[in-house]
PDB file of N, CA and C in Angstrom:
ATOM      1  N   MET A   1     -30.009  -0.898  11.240  1.00  0.00           N
ATOM      2  CA  MET A   1     -28.691  -0.523  11.740  1.00  0.00           C
ATOM      3  C   MET A   1     -28.205   0.743  11.031  1.00  0.00           C
ATOM      4  N   LEU A   2     -27.998   0.689   9.736  1.00  0.00           N
ATOM      5  CA  LEU A   2     -27.512   1.853   9.001  1.00  0.00           C
ATOM      6  C   LEU A   2     -28.604   2.518   8.176  1.00  0.00           C
ATOM      7  N   GLY A   3     -29.820   2.034   8.302  1.00  0.00           N
ATOM      8  CA  GLY A   3     -30.904   2.620   7.546  1.00  0.00           C
ATOM      9  C   GLY A   3     -30.940   2.158   6.105  1.00  0.00           C
ATOM     10  N   ALA A   4     -30.159   1.168   5.775  1.00  0.00           N
ATOM     11  CA  ALA A   4     -30.141   0.617   4.422  1.00  0.00           C
ATOM     12  C   ALA A   4     -30.855  -0.728   4.466  1.00  0.00           C
ATOM     13  N   PRO A   5     -31.713  -1.008   3.489  1.00  0.00           N
ATOM     14  CA  PRO A   5     -32.477  -2.253   3.524  1.00  0.00           C
ATOM     15  C   PRO A   5     -31.604  -3.503   3.672  1.00  0.00           C
ATOM     16  N   GLU A   6     -30.375  -3.466   3.086  1.00  0.00           N
ATOM     17  CA  GLU A   6     -29.515  -4.643   3.145  1.00  0.00           C
ATOM     18  C   GLU A   6     -28.932  -4.850   4.534  1.00  0.00           C
ATOM     19  N   CYS A   7     -28.993  -3.842   5.405  1.00  0.00           N
ATOM     20  CA  CYS A   7     -28.247  -3.901   6.660  1.00  0.00           C
ATOM     21  C   CYS A   7     -29.034  -3.447   7.871  1.00  0.00           C
ATOM     22  N   ASP A   8     -30.348  -3.578   7.862  1.00  0.00           N
ATOM     23  CA  ASP A   8     -31.113  -3.142   9.022  1.00  0.00           C
ATOM     24  C   ASP A   8     -30.777  -3.962  10.255  1.00  0.00           C
ATOM     25  N   LYS A   9     -30.372  -5.194  10.056  1.00  0.00           N
ATOM     26  CA  LYS A   9     -29.974  -6.062  11.161  1.00  0.00           C
ATOM     27  C   LYS A   9     -28.601  -6.636  10.833  1.00  0.00           C
ATOM     28  N   PHE A  10     -27.842  -6.947  11.880  1.00  0.00           N
ATOM     29  CA  PHE A  10     -26.506  -7.498  11.648  1.00  0.00           C
ATOM     30  C   PHE A  10     -26.597  -8.795  10.848  1.00  0.00           C
ATOM     31  N   SER A  11     -27.596  -9.612  11.114  1.00  0.00           N
ATOM     32  CA  SER A  11     -27.726 -10.881  10.386  1.00  0.00           C
ATOM     33  C   SER A  11     -27.925 -10.623   8.893  1.00  0.00           C
ATOM     34  N   GLU A  12     -28.660  -9.557   8.551  1.00  0.00           N
ATOM     35  CA  GLU A  12     -28.856  -9.213   7.140  1.00  0.00           C
ATOM     36  C   GLU A  12     -27.556  -8.695   6.525  1.00  0.00           C
ATOM     37  N   PHE A  13     -26.807  -7.912   7.308  1.00  0.00           N
ATOM     38  CA  PHE A  13     -25.501  -7.427   6.842  1.00  0.00           C
ATOM     39  C   PHE A  13     -24.588  -8.612   6.546  1.00  0.00           C
ATOM     40  N   GLN A  14     -24.578  -9.566   7.469  1.00  0.00           N
ATOM     41  CA  GLN A  14     -23.726 -10.742   7.277  1.00  0.00           C
ATOM     42  C   GLN A  14     -24.191 -11.552   6.074  1.00  0.00           C
ATOM     43  N   GLU A  15     -25.492 -11.715   5.930  1.00  0.00           N
ATOM     44  CA  GLU A  15     -26.044 -12.512   4.834  1.00  0.00           C
ATOM     45  C   GLU A  15     -25.821 -11.850   3.475  1.00  0.00           C
ATOM     46  N   ASN A  16     -25.965 -10.517   3.413  1.00  0.00           N
ATOM     47  CA  ASN A  16     -25.889  -9.813   2.136  1.00  0.00           C
ATOM     48  C   ASN A  16     -24.502  -9.312   1.761  1.00  0.00           C
ATOM     49  N   ILE A  17     -23.619  -9.144   2.742  1.00  0.00           N
ATOM     50  CA  ILE A  17     -22.302  -8.572   2.441  1.00  0.00           C
ATOM     51  C   ILE A  17     -21.159  -9.482   2.883  1.00  0.00           C
ATOM     52  N   VAL A  18     -21.112  -9.817   4.166  1.00  0.00           N
ATOM     53  CA  VAL A  18     -19.970 -10.573   4.696  1.00  0.00           C
ATOM     54  C   VAL A  18     -19.861 -11.952   4.051  1.00  0.00           C
ATOM     55  N   ASN A  19     -20.935 -12.725   4.076  1.00  0.00           N
ATOM     56  CA  ASN A  19     -20.877 -14.080   3.518  1.00  0.00           C
ATOM     57  C   ASN A  19     -20.555 -14.102   2.025  1.00  0.00           C
ATOM     58  N   PRO A  20     -21.199 -13.258   1.202  1.00  0.00           N
ATOM     59  CA  PRO A  20     -20.829 -13.257  -0.217  1.00  0.00           C
ATOM     60  C   PRO A  20     -19.379 -12.851  -0.470  1.00  0.00           C
ATOM     61  N   LEU A  21     -18.855 -11.895   0.309  1.00  0.00           N
ATOM     62  CA  LEU A  21     -17.464 -11.489   0.113  1.00  0.00           C
ATOM     63  C   LEU A  21     -16.489 -12.613   0.473  1.00  0.00           C
ATOM     64  N   ALA A  22     -16.888 -13.481   1.367  1.00  0.00           N
ATOM     65  CA  ALA A  22     -16.034 -14.594   1.779  1.00  0.00           C
ATOM     66  C   ALA A  22     -16.126 -15.776   0.807  1.00  0.00           C
ATOM     67  N   ASN A  23     -17.096 -15.752  -0.083  1.00  0.00           N
ATOM     68  CA  ASN A  23     -17.308 -16.853  -1.023  1.00  0.00           C
ATOM     69  C   ASN A  23     -16.869 -16.418  -2.421  1.00  0.00           C
ATOM     70  N   PRO A  24     -15.858 -17.086  -2.997  1.00  0.00           N
ATOM     71  CA  PRO A  24     -15.372 -16.662  -4.314  1.00  0.00           C
ATOM     72  C   PRO A  24     -16.447 -16.665  -5.402  1.00  0.00           C
ATOM     73  N   PHE A  25     -17.458 -17.519  -5.259  1.00  0.00           N
ATOM     74  CA  PHE A  25     -18.509 -17.592  -6.273  1.00  0.00           C
ATOM     75  C   PHE A  25     -19.553 -16.488  -6.107  1.00  0.00           C
ATOM     76  N   ARG A  26     -19.596 -15.856  -4.938  1.00  0.00           N
ATOM     77  CA  ARG A  26     -20.572 -14.791  -4.678  1.00  0.00           C
ATOM     78  C   ARG A  26     -19.892 -13.463  -4.378  1.00  0.00           C
ATOM     79  N   TYR A  27     -18.585 -13.385  -4.607  1.00  0.00           N
ATOM     80  CA  TYR A  27     -17.813 -12.181  -4.275  1.00  0.00           C
ATOM     81  C   TYR A  27     -18.370 -10.936  -4.975  1.00  0.00           C
ATOM     82  N   ALA A  28     -18.679 -11.050  -6.252  1.00  0.00           N
ATOM     83  CA  ALA A  28     -19.191  -9.904  -7.017  1.00  0.00           C
ATOM     84  C   ALA A  28     -20.511  -9.403  -6.428  1.00  0.00           C
ATOM     85  N   GLU A  29     -21.350 -10.321  -5.997  1.00  0.00           N
ATOM     86  CA  GLU A  29     -22.620  -9.950  -5.376  1.00  0.00           C
ATOM     87  C   GLU A  29     -22.385  -9.183  -4.069  1.00  0.00           C
ATOM     88  N   GLY A  30     -21.468  -9.679  -3.251  1.00  0.00           N
ATOM     89  CA  GLY A  30     -21.154  -9.012  -1.989  1.00  0.00           C
ATOM     90  C   GLY A  30     -20.563  -7.635  -2.215  1.00  0.00           C
ATOM     91  N   LEU A  31     -19.679  -7.530  -3.208  1.00  0.00           N
ATOM     92  CA  LEU A  31     -19.061  -6.245  -3.520  1.00  0.00           C
ATOM     93  C   LEU A  31     -20.107  -5.250  -4.022  1.00  0.00           C
ATOM     94  N   ALA A  32     -21.026  -5.713  -4.848  1.00  0.00           N
ATOM     95  CA  ALA A  32     -22.096  -4.837  -5.346  1.00  0.00           C
ATOM     96  C   ALA A  32     -22.972  -4.351  -4.192  1.00  0.00           C
ATOM     97  N   ASN A  33     -23.303  -5.254  -3.255  1.00  0.00           N
ATOM     98  CA  ASN A  33     -24.115  -4.858  -2.099  1.00  0.00           C
ATOM     99  C   ASN A  33     -23.373  -3.861  -1.215  1.00  0.00           C
ATOM    100  N   LEU A  34     -22.074  -4.067  -1.034  1.00  0.00           N
ATOM    101  CA  LEU A  34     -21.271  -3.149  -0.238  1.00  0.00           C
ATOM    102  C   LEU A  34     -21.202  -1.774  -0.896  1.00  0.00           C
ATOM    103  N   LYS A  35     -21.033  -1.746  -2.213  1.00  0.00           N
ATOM    104  CA  LYS A  35     -21.006  -0.468  -2.931  1.00  0.00           C
ATOM    105  C   LYS A  35     -22.328   0.264  -2.785  1.00  0.00           C
ATOM    106  N   LYS A  36     -23.447  -0.481  -2.902  1.00  0.00           N
ATOM    107  CA  LYS A  36     -24.764   0.131  -2.735  1.00  0.00           C
ATOM    108  C   LYS A  36     -24.909   0.744  -1.351  1.00  0.00           C
ATOM    109  N   LEU A  37     -24.428   0.027  -0.353  1.00  0.00           N
ATOM    110  CA  LEU A  37     -24.542   0.488   1.022  1.00  0.00           C
ATOM    111  C   LEU A  37     -23.712   1.740   1.266  1.00  0.00           C
ATOM    112  N   THR A  38     -22.500   1.773   0.768  1.00  0.00           N
ATOM    113  CA  THR A  38     -21.596   2.894   1.060  1.00  0.00           C
ATOM    114  C   THR A  38     -21.779   4.079   0.129  1.00  0.00           C
ATOM    115  N   LEU A  39     -22.475   3.899  -0.972  1.00  0.00           N
ATOM    116  CA  LEU A  39     -22.628   4.971  -1.954  1.00  0.00           C
ATOM    117  C   LEU A  39     -23.159   6.263  -1.342  1.00  0.00           C
ATOM    118  N   ASN A  40     -24.128   6.165  -0.450  1.00  0.00           N
ATOM    119  CA  ASN A  40     -24.731   7.355   0.148  1.00  0.00           C
ATOM    120  C   ASN A  40     -23.906   7.958   1.284  1.00  0.00           C
ATOM    121  N   TYR A  41     -22.885   7.243   1.739  1.00  0.00           N
ATOM    122  CA  TYR A  41     -22.111   7.696   2.891  1.00  0.00           C
ATOM    123  C   TYR A  41     -20.714   8.193   2.537  1.00  0.00           C
ATOM    124  N   ILE A  42     -20.272   7.917   1.347  1.00  0.00           N
ATOM    125  CA  ILE A  42     -18.910   8.271   0.949  1.00  0.00           C
ATOM    126  C   ILE A  42     -18.960   9.313  -0.159  1.00  0.00           C
ATOM    127  N   LEU A  43     -18.253  10.410   0.033  1.00  0.00           N
ATOM    128  CA  LEU A  43     -18.123  11.428  -0.995  1.00  0.00           C
ATOM    129  C   LEU A  43     -16.748  11.289  -1.625  1.00  0.00           C
ATOM    130  N   ARG A  44     -16.706  11.218  -2.918  1.00  0.00           N
ATOM    131  CA  ARG A  44     -15.421  11.112  -3.588  1.00  0.00           C
ATOM    132  C   ARG A  44     -14.963  12.506  -3.988  1.00  0.00           C
ATOM    133  N   ARG A  45     -13.774  12.859  -3.608  1.00  0.00           N
ATOM    134  CA  ARG A  45     -13.186  14.139  -3.951  1.00  0.00           C
ATOM    135  C   ARG A  45     -11.852  13.916  -4.633  1.00  0.00           C
ATOM    136  N   THR A  46     -11.507  14.807  -5.542  1.00  0.00           N
ATOM    137  CA  THR A  46     -10.201  14.732  -6.195  1.00  0.00           C
ATOM    138  C   THR A  46      -9.412  15.984  -5.833  1.00  0.00           C
ATOM    139  N   LYS A  47      -8.120  15.910  -5.981  1.00  0.00           N
ATOM    140  CA  LYS A  47      -7.286  17.056  -5.605  1.00  0.00           C
ATOM    141  C   LYS A  47      -7.449  18.235  -6.559  1.00  0.00           C
ATOM    142  N   THR A  48      -8.102  18.037  -7.710  1.00  0.00           N
ATOM    143  CA  THR A  48      -8.300  19.142  -8.653  1.00  0.00           C
ATOM    144  C   THR A  48      -9.626  19.876  -8.421  1.00  0.00           C
ATOM    145  N   GLN A  49     -10.514  19.329  -7.589  1.00  0.00           N
ATOM    146  CA  GLN A  49     -11.799  19.979  -7.346  1.00  0.00           C
ATOM    147  C   GLN A  49     -11.601  21.231  -6.494  1.00  0.00           C
ATOM    148  N   LYS A  50     -12.430  22.241  -6.789  1.00  0.00           N
ATOM    149  CA  LYS A  50     -12.311  23.512  -6.070  1.00  0.00           C
ATOM    150  C   LYS A  50     -13.659  23.911  -5.501  1.00  0.00           C
ATOM    151  N   LEU A  51     -13.600  24.663  -4.402  1.00  0.00           N
ATOM    152  CA  LEU A  51     -14.774  25.224  -3.769  1.00  0.00           C
ATOM    153  C   LEU A  51     -14.471  26.691  -3.518  1.00  0.00           C
ATOM    154  N   ASN A  52     -15.287  27.561  -4.069  1.00  0.00           N
ATOM    155  CA  ASN A  52     -15.056  29.012  -3.975  1.00  0.00           C
ATOM    156  C   ASN A  52     -13.678  29.395  -4.518  1.00  0.00           C
ATOM    157  N   GLY A  53     -13.247  28.734  -5.582  1.00  0.00           N
ATOM    158  CA  GLY A  53     -11.981  29.053  -6.228  1.00  0.00           C
ATOM    159  C   GLY A  53     -10.753  28.476  -5.556  1.00  0.00           C
ATOM    160  N   LYS A  54     -10.921  27.792  -4.427  1.00  0.00           N
ATOM    161  CA  LYS A  54      -9.779  27.220  -3.717  1.00  0.00           C
ATOM    162  C   LYS A  54      -9.868  25.693  -3.756  1.00  0.00           C
ATOM    163  N   PRO A  55      -8.725  25.016  -3.797  1.00  0.00           N
ATOM    164  CA  PRO A  55      -8.766  23.549  -3.801  1.00  0.00           C
ATOM    165  C   PRO A  55      -9.468  23.017  -2.549  1.00  0.00           C
ATOM    166  N   ILE A  56     -10.293  21.977  -2.737  1.00  0.00           N
ATOM    167  CA  ILE A  56     -10.978  21.356  -1.607  1.00  0.00           C
ATOM    168  C   ILE A  56      -9.959  20.639  -0.724  1.00  0.00           C
ATOM    169  N   VAL A  57      -9.001  20.007  -1.370  1.00  0.00           N
ATOM    170  CA  VAL A  57      -7.991  19.236  -0.653  1.00  0.00           C
ATOM    171  C   VAL A  57      -6.612  19.748  -1.038  1.00  0.00           C
ATOM    172  N   THR A  58      -5.773  19.964  -0.056  1.00  0.00           N
ATOM    173  CA  THR A  58      -4.392  20.333  -0.319  1.00  0.00           C
ATOM    174  C   THR A  58      -3.516  19.192   0.182  1.00  0.00           C
ATOM    175  N   LEU A  59      -2.820  18.573  -0.739  1.00  0.00           N
ATOM    176  CA  LEU A  59      -1.983  17.430  -0.388  1.00  0.00           C
ATOM    177  C   LEU A  59      -0.511  17.815  -0.411  1.00  0.00           C
ATOM    178  N   PRO A  60       0.272  17.215   0.467  1.00  0.00           N
ATOM    179  CA  PRO A  60       1.713  17.482   0.417  1.00  0.00           C
ATOM    180  C   PRO A  60       2.314  16.854  -0.835  1.00  0.00           C
ATOM    181  N   GLU A  61       3.481  17.313  -1.206  1.00  0.00           N
ATOM    182  CA  GLU A  61       4.165  16.758  -2.370  1.00  0.00           C
ATOM    183  C   GLU A  61       4.457  15.278  -2.120  1.00  0.00           C
ATOM    184  N   MET A  62       4.231  14.472  -3.148  1.00  0.00           N
ATOM    185  CA  MET A  62       4.453  13.037  -3.013  1.00  0.00           C
ATOM    186  C   MET A  62       5.945  12.724  -2.956  1.00  0.00           C
ATOM    187  N   LYS A  63       6.308  11.870  -2.039  1.00  0.00           N
ATOM    188  CA  LYS A  63       7.692  11.420  -1.923  1.00  0.00           C
ATOM    189  C   LYS A  63       7.707   9.908  -2.098  1.00  0.00           C
ATOM    190  N   THR A  64       8.640   9.425  -2.885  1.00  0.00           N
ATOM    191  CA  THR A  64       8.758   7.994  -3.129  1.00  0.00           C
ATOM    192  C   THR A  64      10.073   7.506  -2.556  1.00  0.00           C
ATOM    193  N   GLN A  65       9.996   6.386  -1.869  1.00  0.00           N
ATOM    194  CA  GLN A  65      11.197   5.785  -1.313  1.00  0.00           C
ATOM    195  C   GLN A  65      11.195   4.310  -1.697  1.00  0.00           C
ATOM    196  N   VAL A  66      12.269   3.858  -2.296  1.00  0.00           N
ATOM    197  CA  VAL A  66      12.398   2.469  -2.705  1.00  0.00           C
ATOM    198  C   VAL A  66      13.392   1.782  -1.781  1.00  0.00           C
ATOM    199  N   LEU A  67      12.944   0.697  -1.175  1.00  0.00           N
ATOM    200  CA  LEU A  67      13.810  -0.067  -0.289  1.00  0.00           C
ATOM    201  C   LEU A  67      14.060  -1.434  -0.909  1.00  0.00           C
ATOM    202  N   GLU A  68      15.304  -1.823  -0.981  1.00  0.00           N
ATOM    203  CA  GLU A  68      15.631  -3.150  -1.492  1.00  0.00           C
ATOM    204  C   GLU A  68      15.695  -4.108  -0.312  1.00  0.00           C
ATOM    205  N   VAL A  69      14.967  -5.204  -0.438  1.00  0.00           N
ATOM    206  CA  VAL A  69      14.922  -6.201   0.618  1.00  0.00           C
ATOM    207  C   VAL A  69      15.579  -7.470   0.097  1.00  0.00           C
ATOM    208  N   ILE A  70      16.538  -7.971   0.837  1.00  0.00           N
ATOM    209  CA  ILE A  70      17.205  -9.213   0.451  1.00  0.00           C
ATOM    210  C   ILE A  70      16.598 -10.330   1.303  1.00  0.00           C
ATOM    211  N   LEU A  71      15.918 -11.246   0.614  1.00  0.00           N
ATOM    212  CA  LEU A  71      15.253 -12.338   1.313  1.00  0.00           C
ATOM    213  C   LEU A  71      16.202 -13.518   1.485  1.00  0.00           C
ATOM    214  N   PRO A  72      16.060 -14.248   2.587  1.00  0.00           N
ATOM    215  CA  PRO A  72      16.823 -15.487   2.721  1.00  0.00           C
ATOM    216  C   PRO A  72      16.431 -16.445   1.596  1.00  0.00           C
ATOM    217  N   PRO A  73      17.314 -17.368   1.196  1.00  0.00           N
ATOM    218  CA  PRO A  73      17.043 -18.240   0.049  1.00  0.00           C
ATOM    219  C   PRO A  73      15.698 -18.973   0.107  1.00  0.00           C
ATOM    220  N   GLY A  74      15.324 -19.495   1.261  1.00  0.00           N
ATOM    221  CA  GLY A  74      14.041 -20.209   1.369  1.00  0.00           C
ATOM    222  C   GLY A  74      12.857 -19.301   1.128  1.00  0.00           C
ATOM    223  N   HIS A  75      12.926 -18.084   1.676  1.00  0.00           N
ATOM    224  CA  HIS A  75      11.851 -17.109   1.466  1.00  0.00           C
ATOM    225  C   HIS A  75      11.801 -16.667   0.008  1.00  0.00           C
ATOM    226  N   ARG A  76      12.980 -16.489  -0.600  1.00  0.00           N
ATOM    227  CA  ARG A  76      13.041 -16.081  -2.014  1.00  0.00           C
ATOM    228  C   ARG A  76      12.373 -17.126  -2.898  1.00  0.00           C
ATOM    229  N   LEU A  77      12.635 -18.410  -2.655  1.00  0.00           N
ATOM    230  CA  LEU A  77      12.003 -19.483  -3.449  1.00  0.00           C
ATOM    231  C   LEU A  77      10.493 -19.445  -3.296  1.00  0.00           C
ATOM    232  N   PHE A  78      10.017 -19.267  -2.064  1.00  0.00           N
ATOM    233  CA  PHE A  78       8.580 -19.213  -1.820  1.00  0.00           C
ATOM    234  C   PHE A  78       7.954 -18.009  -2.516  1.00  0.00           C
ATOM    235  N   TYR A  79       8.555 -16.841  -2.354  1.00  0.00           N
ATOM    236  CA  TYR A  79       8.054 -15.617  -2.985  1.00  0.00           C
ATOM    237  C   TYR A  79       8.026 -15.766  -4.505  1.00  0.00           C
ATOM    238  N   ASP A  80       9.117 -16.277  -5.078  1.00  0.00           N
ATOM    239  CA  ASP A  80       9.190 -16.442  -6.531  1.00  0.00           C
ATOM    240  C   ASP A  80       8.113 -17.389  -7.038  1.00  0.00           C
ATOM    241  N   SER A  81       7.846 -18.465  -6.293  1.00  0.00           N
ATOM    242  CA  SER A  81       6.815 -19.408  -6.748  1.00  0.00           C
ATOM    243  C   SER A  81       5.434 -18.752  -6.738  1.00  0.00           C
ATOM    244  N   ILE A  82       5.152 -17.957  -5.696  1.00  0.00           N
ATOM    245  CA  ILE A  82       3.865 -17.243  -5.639  1.00  0.00           C
ATOM    246  C   ILE A  82       3.799 -16.203  -6.755  1.00  0.00           C
ATOM    247  N   PHE A  83       4.886 -15.466  -6.949  1.00  0.00           N
ATOM    248  CA  PHE A  83       4.916 -14.445  -7.998  1.00  0.00           C
ATOM    249  C   PHE A  83       4.707 -15.064  -9.375  1.00  0.00           C
ATOM    250  N   LYS A  84       5.402 -16.176  -9.658  1.00  0.00           N
ATOM    251  CA  LYS A  84       5.275 -16.829 -10.967  1.00  0.00           C
ATOM    252  C   LYS A  84       3.859 -17.341 -11.198  1.00  0.00           C
ATOM    253  N   SER A  85       3.227 -17.848 -10.145  1.00  0.00           N
ATOM    254  CA  SER A  85       1.862 -18.358 -10.319  1.00  0.00           C
ATOM    255  C   SER A  85       0.866 -17.223 -10.579  1.00  0.00           C
ATOM    256  N   ASN A  86       1.208 -16.000 -10.194  1.00  0.00           N
ATOM    257  CA  ASN A  86       0.318 -14.845 -10.411  1.00  0.00           C
ATOM    258  C   ASN A  86       0.804 -13.921 -11.526  1.00  0.00           C
ATOM    259  N   ARG A  87       1.947 -14.231 -12.123  1.00  0.00           N
ATOM    260  CA  ARG A  87       2.530 -13.358 -13.142  1.00  0.00           C
ATOM    261  C   ARG A  87       1.581 -13.108 -14.312  1.00  0.00           C
ATOM    262  N   SER A  88       0.905 -14.144 -14.791  1.00  0.00           N
ATOM    263  CA  SER A  88       0.010 -13.958 -15.939  1.00  0.00           C
ATOM    264  C   SER A  88      -1.113 -12.983 -15.597  1.00  0.00           C
ATOM    265  N   GLU A  89      -1.602 -13.037 -14.353  1.00  0.00           N
ATOM    266  CA  GLU A  89      -2.637 -12.090 -13.932  1.00  0.00           C
ATOM    267  C   GLU A  89      -2.094 -10.665 -13.941  1.00  0.00           C
ATOM    268  N   PHE A  90      -0.897 -10.471 -13.388  1.00  0.00           N
ATOM    269  CA  PHE A  90      -0.263  -9.149 -13.390  1.00  0.00           C
ATOM    270  C   PHE A  90      -0.112  -8.631 -14.821  1.00  0.00           C
ATOM    271  N   GLN A  91       0.405  -9.479 -15.693  1.00  0.00           N
ATOM    272  CA  GLN A  91       0.674  -9.039 -17.069  1.00  0.00           C
ATOM    273  C   GLN A  91      -0.614  -8.731 -17.821  1.00  0.00           C
ATOM    274  N   SER A  92      -1.639  -9.562 -17.650  1.00  0.00           N
ATOM    275  CA  SER A  92      -2.890  -9.304 -18.367  1.00  0.00           C
ATOM    276  C   SER A  92      -3.545  -8.017 -17.879  1.00  0.00           C
ATOM    277  N   ILE A  93      -3.464  -7.743 -16.588  1.00  0.00           N
ATOM    278  CA  ILE A  93      -4.037  -6.503 -16.053  1.00  0.00           C
ATOM    279  C   ILE A  93      -3.220  -5.303 -16.519  1.00  0.00           C
ATOM    280  N   ALA A  94      -1.899  -5.441 -16.526  1.00  0.00           N
ATOM    281  CA  ALA A  94      -1.032  -4.332 -16.930  1.00  0.00           C
ATOM    282  C   ALA A  94      -1.231  -3.954 -18.400  1.00  0.00           C
ATOM    283  N   ARG A  95      -1.654  -4.891 -19.233  1.00  0.00           N
ATOM    284  CA  ARG A  95      -1.857  -4.617 -20.664  1.00  0.00           C
ATOM    285  C   ARG A  95      -3.193  -3.935 -20.950  1.00  0.00           C
ATOM    286  N   LEU A  96      -4.085  -3.882 -19.980  1.00  0.00           N
ATOM    287  CA  LEU A  96      -5.405  -3.294 -20.199  1.00  0.00           C
ATOM    288  C   LEU A  96      -5.304  -1.789 -20.402  1.00  0.00           C
ATOM    289  N   GLY A  97      -6.268  -1.238 -21.094  1.00  0.00           N
ATOM    290  CA  GLY A  97      -6.344   0.216 -21.220  1.00  0.00           C
ATOM    291  C   GLY A  97      -6.798   0.820 -19.908  1.00  0.00           C
ATOM    292  N   ASP A  98      -6.739   2.120 -19.805  1.00  0.00           N
ATOM    293  CA  ASP A  98      -7.091   2.808 -18.563  1.00  0.00           C
ATOM    294  C   ASP A  98      -8.487   2.455 -18.067  1.00  0.00           C
ATOM    295  N   CYS A  99      -9.456   2.430 -18.968  1.00  0.00           N
ATOM    296  CA  CYS A  99     -10.836   2.166 -18.573  1.00  0.00           C
ATOM    297  C   CYS A  99     -10.972   0.758 -17.995  1.00  0.00           C
ATOM    298  N   GLU A 100     -10.408  -0.216 -18.679  1.00  0.00           N
ATOM    299  CA  GLU A 100     -10.486  -1.594 -18.203  1.00  0.00           C
ATOM    300  C   GLU A 100      -9.644  -1.791 -16.953  1.00  0.00           C
ATOM    301  N   LEU A 101      -8.525  -1.096 -16.863  1.00  0.00           N
ATOM    302  CA  LEU A 101      -7.649  -1.230 -15.700  1.00  0.00           C
ATOM    303  C   LEU A 101      -8.389  -0.796 -14.436  1.00  0.00           C
ATOM    304  N   LYS A 102      -9.198   0.244 -14.540  1.00  0.00           N
ATOM    305  CA  LYS A 102      -9.952   0.707 -13.382  1.00  0.00           C
ATOM    306  C   LYS A 102     -10.898  -0.371 -12.870  1.00  0.00           C
ATOM    307  N   LYS A 103     -11.455  -1.174 -13.776  1.00  0.00           N
ATOM    308  CA  LYS A 103     -12.355  -2.250 -13.367  1.00  0.00           C
ATOM    309  C   LYS A 103     -11.606  -3.341 -12.619  1.00  0.00           C
ATOM    310  N   GLU A 104     -10.352  -3.560 -12.960  1.00  0.00           N
ATOM    311  CA  GLU A 104      -9.545  -4.614 -12.346  1.00  0.00           C
ATOM    312  C   GLU A 104      -8.628  -4.084 -11.254  1.00  0.00           C
ATOM    313  N   TYR A 105      -8.743  -2.822 -10.923  1.00  0.00           N
ATOM    314  CA  TYR A 105      -7.823  -2.170  -9.998  1.00  0.00           C
ATOM    315  C   TYR A 105      -7.781  -2.867  -8.633  1.00  0.00           C
ATOM    316  N   ILE A 106      -8.943  -3.174  -8.085  1.00  0.00           N
ATOM    317  CA  ILE A 106      -9.005  -3.796  -6.767  1.00  0.00           C
ATOM    318  C   ILE A 106      -8.321  -5.160  -6.799  1.00  0.00           C
ATOM    319  N   PHE A 107      -8.567  -5.940  -7.832  1.00  0.00           N
ATOM    320  CA  PHE A 107      -7.934  -7.252  -7.936  1.00  0.00           C
ATOM    321  C   PHE A 107      -6.417  -7.109  -8.025  1.00  0.00           C
ATOM    322  N   PHE A 108      -5.952  -6.136  -8.797  1.00  0.00           N
ATOM    323  CA  PHE A 108      -4.521  -5.890  -8.940  1.00  0.00           C
ATOM    324  C   PHE A 108      -3.907  -5.517  -7.596  1.00  0.00           C
ATOM    325  N   ILE A 109      -4.564  -4.636  -6.861  1.00  0.00           N
ATOM    326  CA  ILE A 109      -4.079  -4.224  -5.545  1.00  0.00           C
ATOM    327  C   ILE A 109      -4.045  -5.421  -4.594  1.00  0.00           C
ATOM    328  N   GLU A 110      -5.064  -6.286  -4.669  1.00  0.00           N
ATOM    329  CA  GLU A 110      -5.061  -7.478  -3.825  1.00  0.00           C
ATOM    330  C   GLU A 110      -3.847  -8.349  -4.105  1.00  0.00           C
ATOM    331  N   LEU A 111      -3.498  -8.526  -5.375  1.00  0.00           N
ATOM    332  CA  LEU A 111      -2.332  -9.333  -5.723  1.00  0.00           C
ATOM    333  C   LEU A 111      -1.048  -8.712  -5.178  1.00  0.00           C
ATOM    334  N   VAL A 112      -0.903  -7.413  -5.347  1.00  0.00           N
ATOM    335  CA  VAL A 112       0.300  -6.740  -4.863  1.00  0.00           C
ATOM    336  C   VAL A 112       0.388  -6.822  -3.341  1.00  0.00           C
ATOM    337  N   LEU A 113      -0.725  -6.574  -2.658  1.00  0.00           N
ATOM    338  CA  LEU A 113      -0.722  -6.643  -1.197  1.00  0.00           C
ATOM    339  C   LEU A 113      -0.422  -8.051  -0.708  1.00  0.00           C
ATOM    340  N   PHE A 114      -0.970  -9.043  -1.383  1.00  0.00           N
ATOM    341  CA  PHE A 114      -0.710 -10.426  -0.994  1.00  0.00           C
ATOM    342  C   PHE A 114       0.787 -10.715  -1.048  1.00  0.00           C
ATOM    343  N   LEU A 115       1.411 -10.309  -2.146  1.00  0.00           N
ATOM    344  CA  LEU A 115       2.859 -10.544  -2.272  1.00  0.00           C
ATOM    345  C   LEU A 115       3.638  -9.761  -1.225  1.00  0.00           C
ATOM    346  N   SER A 116       3.199  -8.547  -0.943  1.00  0.00           N
ATOM    347  CA  SER A 116       3.964  -7.734   0.020  1.00  0.00           C
ATOM    348  C   SER A 116       3.794  -8.220   1.456  1.00  0.00           C
ATOM    349  N   LEU A 117       2.707  -8.919   1.743  1.00  0.00           N
ATOM    350  CA  LEU A 117       2.450  -9.366   3.116  1.00  0.00           C
ATOM    351  C   LEU A 117       2.954 -10.774   3.401  1.00  0.00           C
ATOM    352  N   LEU A 118       3.533 -11.408   2.417  1.00  0.00           N
ATOM    353  CA  LEU A 118       3.956 -12.796   2.610  1.00  0.00           C
ATOM    354  C   LEU A 118       4.910 -12.982   3.776  1.00  0.00           C
ATOM    355  N   PHE A 119       5.747 -11.997   4.059  1.00  0.00           N
ATOM    356  CA  PHE A 119       6.772 -12.196   5.071  1.00  0.00           C
ATOM    357  C   PHE A 119       6.625 -11.277   6.268  1.00  0.00           C
ATOM    358  N   PHE A 120       5.445 -10.731   6.484  1.00  0.00           N
ATOM    359  CA  PHE A 120       5.232  -9.884   7.661  1.00  0.00           C
ATOM    360  C   PHE A 120       4.483 -10.625   8.717  1.00  0.00           C
TER     361      PHE A 120
END
């Protein structure tokens, strides 16, 4: 299919990537296989990289907007219970140094996204 040994057939893709990612005990294996597969297809660029003296990427100035959301009491209780059950994970990740934080970045983003999607 993609010319990668792990994914020549859809069944192999499912066996080597999809199924492990869906299983908490094999998640790391699935993620490693996915990284191997995408490594040759994805180029990582940063906004500081230059080509012929000019930036490769020109990004607009970042704008931040903070919206306060007032949840109904029942939703607030539910959100707070989920947040409290994950608070120790947030705090332990936040205390990590930059190098270690990068290793846990995806997990941290998953926690934040989970909380943000609770009421959508």
